[in-house]
């Protein structure tokens, strides 16, 4: 996960989005998506960051087709179950798409929030 965060941090800097509060939230999104892949899908096969004038998109690809399920709400005092809740709260959009040999879980952050 540290390598994924470092990669994302450098990409944000390269795109001129490295020193904002939202860029820190974006790094947390990367961490949560990578952690979920590690805990529930035998790890990340690929981390993809793309950006255009409207949004930054984070995709974490893994080798399982089982789609993630977000708990309705985190349960106080019980560990776990917060990853997708955090992704939902910090991103502008998130979702999944399955393909033949796995899936991608993605999150998007509006570019205007990163400036």
C-alpha atoms as a PDB file:
ATOM      1  CA  UNK A   1       0.000   0.000   0.000  1.00  0.00           C
ATOM      2  CA  UNK A   2       2.893   2.341   0.670  1.00  0.00           C
ATOM      3  CA  UNK A   3       4.040   2.052  -2.955  1.00  0.00           C
ATOM      4  CA  UNK A   4       0.513   2.776  -4.176  1.00  0.00           C
ATOM      5  CA  UNK A   5       0.274   5.885  -1.999  1.00  0.00           C
ATOM      6  CA  UNK A   6       3.699   7.064  -3.150  1.00  0.00           C
ATOM      7  CA  UNK A   7       2.696   6.533  -6.780  1.00  0.00           C
ATOM      8  CA  UNK A   8      -0.557   8.455  -6.242  1.00  0.00           C
ATOM      9  CA  UNK A   9       1.211  11.258  -4.338  1.00  0.00           C
ATOM     10  CA  UNK A  10       3.673  11.730  -7.198  1.00  0.00           C
ATOM     11  CA  UNK A  11       0.882  11.680  -9.800  1.00  0.00           C
ATOM     12  CA  UNK A  12      -1.030  14.349  -7.879  1.00  0.00           C
ATOM     13  CA  UNK A  13       2.113  16.488  -7.692  1.00  0.00           C
ATOM     14  CA  UNK A  14       2.777  15.993 -11.401  1.00  0.00           C
ATOM     15  CA  UNK A  15      -0.780  17.146 -12.171  1.00  0.00           C
ATOM     16  CA  UNK A  16      -0.436  20.187  -9.872  1.00  0.00           C
ATOM     17  CA  UNK A  17      -2.759  18.790  -7.200  1.00  0.00           C
ATOM     18  CA  UNK A  18      -0.249  17.824  -4.546  1.00  0.00           C
ATOM     19  CA  UNK A  19      -0.754  20.383  -1.812  1.00  0.00           C
ATOM     20  CA  UNK A  20      -4.462  20.552  -1.054  1.00  0.00           C
ATOM     21  CA  UNK A  21      -6.679  19.116   1.660  1.00  0.00           C
ATOM     22  CA  UNK A  22      -8.508  17.148  -1.016  1.00  0.00           C
ATOM     23  CA  UNK A  23      -5.238  15.643  -2.245  1.00  0.00           C
ATOM     24  CA  UNK A  24      -4.781  14.153   1.238  1.00  0.00           C
ATOM     25  CA  UNK A  25      -8.335  12.785   1.061  1.00  0.00           C
ATOM     26  CA  UNK A  26      -7.452  11.325  -2.338  1.00  0.00           C
ATOM     27  CA  UNK A  27      -4.468   9.503  -0.857  1.00  0.00           C
ATOM     28  CA  UNK A  28      -6.760   8.083   1.806  1.00  0.00           C
ATOM     29  CA  UNK A  29      -9.087   6.883  -0.983  1.00  0.00           C
ATOM     30  CA  UNK A  30      -6.159   5.122  -2.628  1.00  0.00           C
ATOM     31  CA  UNK A  31      -5.230   3.496   0.690  1.00  0.00           C
ATOM     32  CA  UNK A  32      -8.765   2.325   1.373  1.00  0.00           C
ATOM     33  CA  UNK A  33      -9.219   0.841  -2.098  1.00  0.00           C
ATOM     34  CA  UNK A  34      -5.859  -0.935  -1.909  1.00  0.00           C
ATOM     35  CA  UNK A  35      -6.582  -2.199   1.607  1.00  0.00           C
ATOM     36  CA  UNK A  36      -9.949  -3.567   0.535  1.00  0.00           C
ATOM     37  CA  UNK A  37      -8.319  -5.386  -2.397  1.00  0.00           C
ATOM     38  CA  UNK A  38      -5.729  -6.823  -0.032  1.00  0.00           C
ATOM     39  CA  UNK A  39      -8.243  -7.943   2.590  1.00  0.00           C
ATOM     40  CA  UNK A  40     -11.029  -9.196   0.342  1.00  0.00           C
ATOM     41  CA  UNK A  41      -9.591  -9.980  -3.095  1.00  0.00           C
ATOM     42  CA  UNK A  42      -6.080 -11.425  -2.619  1.00  0.00           C
ATOM     43  CA  UNK A  43      -4.431  -8.105  -3.438  1.00  0.00           C
ATOM     44  CA  UNK A  44      -4.304  -5.475  -6.117  1.00  0.00           C
ATOM     45  CA  UNK A  45      -3.321  -6.479  -9.649  1.00  0.00           C
ATOM     46  CA  UNK A  46      -3.191  -2.920 -10.937  1.00  0.00           C
ATOM     47  CA  UNK A  47      -3.626   0.645  -9.672  1.00  0.00           C
ATOM     48  CA  UNK A  48      -4.696   3.079 -12.394  1.00  0.00           C
ATOM     49  CA  UNK A  49      -4.966   6.854 -11.967  1.00  0.00           C
ATOM     50  CA  UNK A  50      -6.400   8.945 -14.785  1.00  0.00           C
ATOM     51  CA  UNK A  51      -7.253  12.613 -14.866  1.00  0.00           C
ATOM     52  CA  UNK A  52      -8.816  15.107 -17.190  1.00  0.00           C
ATOM     53  CA  UNK A  53     -10.209  18.603 -16.788  1.00  0.00           C
ATOM     54  CA  UNK A  54     -13.264  17.289 -14.926  1.00  0.00           C
ATOM     55  CA  UNK A  55     -12.104  14.545 -12.556  1.00  0.00           C
ATOM     56  CA  UNK A  56      -9.415  12.295 -11.144  1.00  0.00           C
ATOM     57  CA  UNK A  57     -10.284   8.597 -11.335  1.00  0.00           C
ATOM     58  CA  UNK A  58      -8.692   5.936  -9.141  1.00  0.00           C
ATOM     59  CA  UNK A  59      -9.139   2.301 -10.167  1.00  0.00           C
ATOM     60  CA  UNK A  60      -7.946  -0.724  -8.238  1.00  0.00           C
ATOM     61  CA  UNK A  61      -8.083  -3.954 -10.256  1.00  0.00           C
ATOM     62  CA  UNK A  62      -8.035  -7.350  -8.600  1.00  0.00           C
ATOM     63  CA  UNK A  63      -8.466 -10.964  -9.613  1.00  0.00           C
ATOM     64  CA  UNK A  64     -11.874 -11.749  -8.118  1.00  0.00           C
ATOM     65  CA  UNK A  65     -15.284 -11.128  -9.640  1.00  0.00           C
ATOM     66  CA  UNK A  66     -17.063 -10.869  -6.268  1.00  0.00           C
ATOM     67  CA  UNK A  67     -18.349  -7.308  -6.008  1.00  0.00           C
ATOM     68  CA  UNK A  68     -17.828  -5.408  -2.749  1.00  0.00           C
ATOM     69  CA  UNK A  69     -20.696  -4.799  -0.372  1.00  0.00           C
ATOM     70  CA  UNK A  70     -20.837  -1.617   1.672  1.00  0.00           C
ATOM     71  CA  UNK A  71     -22.137  -2.011   5.199  1.00  0.00           C
ATOM     72  CA  UNK A  72     -25.143   0.275   5.798  1.00  0.00           C
ATOM     73  CA  UNK A  73     -23.244   2.209   8.475  1.00  0.00           C
ATOM     74  CA  UNK A  74     -20.085   1.655  10.501  1.00  0.00           C
ATOM     75  CA  UNK A  75     -20.788  -0.035  13.809  1.00  0.00           C
ATOM     76  CA  UNK A  76     -19.335   1.832  16.803  1.00  0.00           C
ATOM     77  CA  UNK A  77     -16.808  -0.176  18.761  1.00  0.00           C
ATOM     78  CA  UNK A  78     -16.534  -2.933  16.136  1.00  0.00           C
ATOM     79  CA  UNK A  79     -13.468  -2.922  13.883  1.00  0.00           C
ATOM     80  CA  UNK A  80     -13.849  -3.181  10.134  1.00  0.00           C
ATOM     81  CA  UNK A  81     -16.663  -2.339   7.770  1.00  0.00           C
ATOM     82  CA  UNK A  82     -15.608   1.262   7.230  1.00  0.00           C
ATOM     83  CA  UNK A  83     -13.566   1.077   4.008  1.00  0.00           C
ATOM     84  CA  UNK A  84     -16.314   1.613   1.448  1.00  0.00           C
ATOM     85  CA  UNK A  85     -18.072   4.018   3.784  1.00  0.00           C
ATOM     86  CA  UNK A  86     -14.912   6.153   3.728  1.00  0.00           C
ATOM     87  CA  UNK A  87     -14.669   5.813  -0.060  1.00  0.00           C
ATOM     88  CA  UNK A  88     -18.287   6.937  -0.402  1.00  0.00           C
ATOM     89  CA  UNK A  89     -17.792   9.928   1.901  1.00  0.00           C
ATOM     90  CA  UNK A  90     -14.543  11.197   0.351  1.00  0.00           C
ATOM     91  CA  UNK A  91     -15.254  10.621  -3.347  1.00  0.00           C
ATOM     92  CA  UNK A  92     -17.746  12.311  -5.612  1.00  0.00           C
ATOM     93  CA  UNK A  93     -18.629   9.000  -7.252  1.00  0.00           C
ATOM     94  CA  UNK A  94     -17.555   5.405  -6.820  1.00  0.00           C
ATOM     95  CA  UNK A  95     -18.495   2.052  -8.210  1.00  0.00           C
ATOM     96  CA  UNK A  96     -17.323  -1.243  -9.608  1.00  0.00           C
ATOM     97  CA  UNK A  97     -17.156  -3.016 -12.900  1.00  0.00           C
ATOM     98  CA  UNK A  98     -16.540  -6.703 -13.345  1.00  0.00           C
ATOM     99  CA  UNK A  99     -14.818  -8.273 -16.283  1.00  0.00           C
ATOM    100  CA  UNK A 100     -13.985 -11.840 -17.198  1.00  0.00           C
ATOM    101  CA  UNK A 101     -11.032 -12.361 -14.861  1.00  0.00           C
ATOM    102  CA  UNK A 102     -11.697  -9.863 -12.081  1.00  0.00           C
ATOM    103  CA  UNK A 103     -13.073  -6.460 -11.260  1.00  0.00           C
ATOM    104  CA  UNK A 104     -12.139  -2.861 -10.734  1.00  0.00           C
ATOM    105  CA  UNK A 105     -13.343  -0.754  -7.835  1.00  0.00           C
ATOM    106  CA  UNK A 106     -13.107   2.917  -8.721  1.00  0.00           C
ATOM    107  CA  UNK A 107     -13.600   6.318  -7.153  1.00  0.00           C
ATOM    108  CA  UNK A 108     -13.669   9.770  -8.707  1.00  0.00           C
ATOM    109  CA  UNK A 109     -12.848  13.182  -7.289  1.00  0.00           C
ATOM    110  CA  UNK A 110     -13.925  16.316  -9.109  1.00  0.00           C
ATOM    111  CA  UNK A 111     -10.927  18.226 -10.455  1.00  0.00           C
ATOM    112  CA  UNK A 112     -12.321  21.492  -9.083  1.00  0.00           C
ATOM    113  CA  UNK A 113     -11.941  20.098  -5.536  1.00  0.00           C
ATOM    114  CA  UNK A 114      -8.249  19.367  -6.144  1.00  0.00           C
ATOM    115  CA  UNK A 115      -7.283  22.856  -7.312  1.00  0.00           C
END
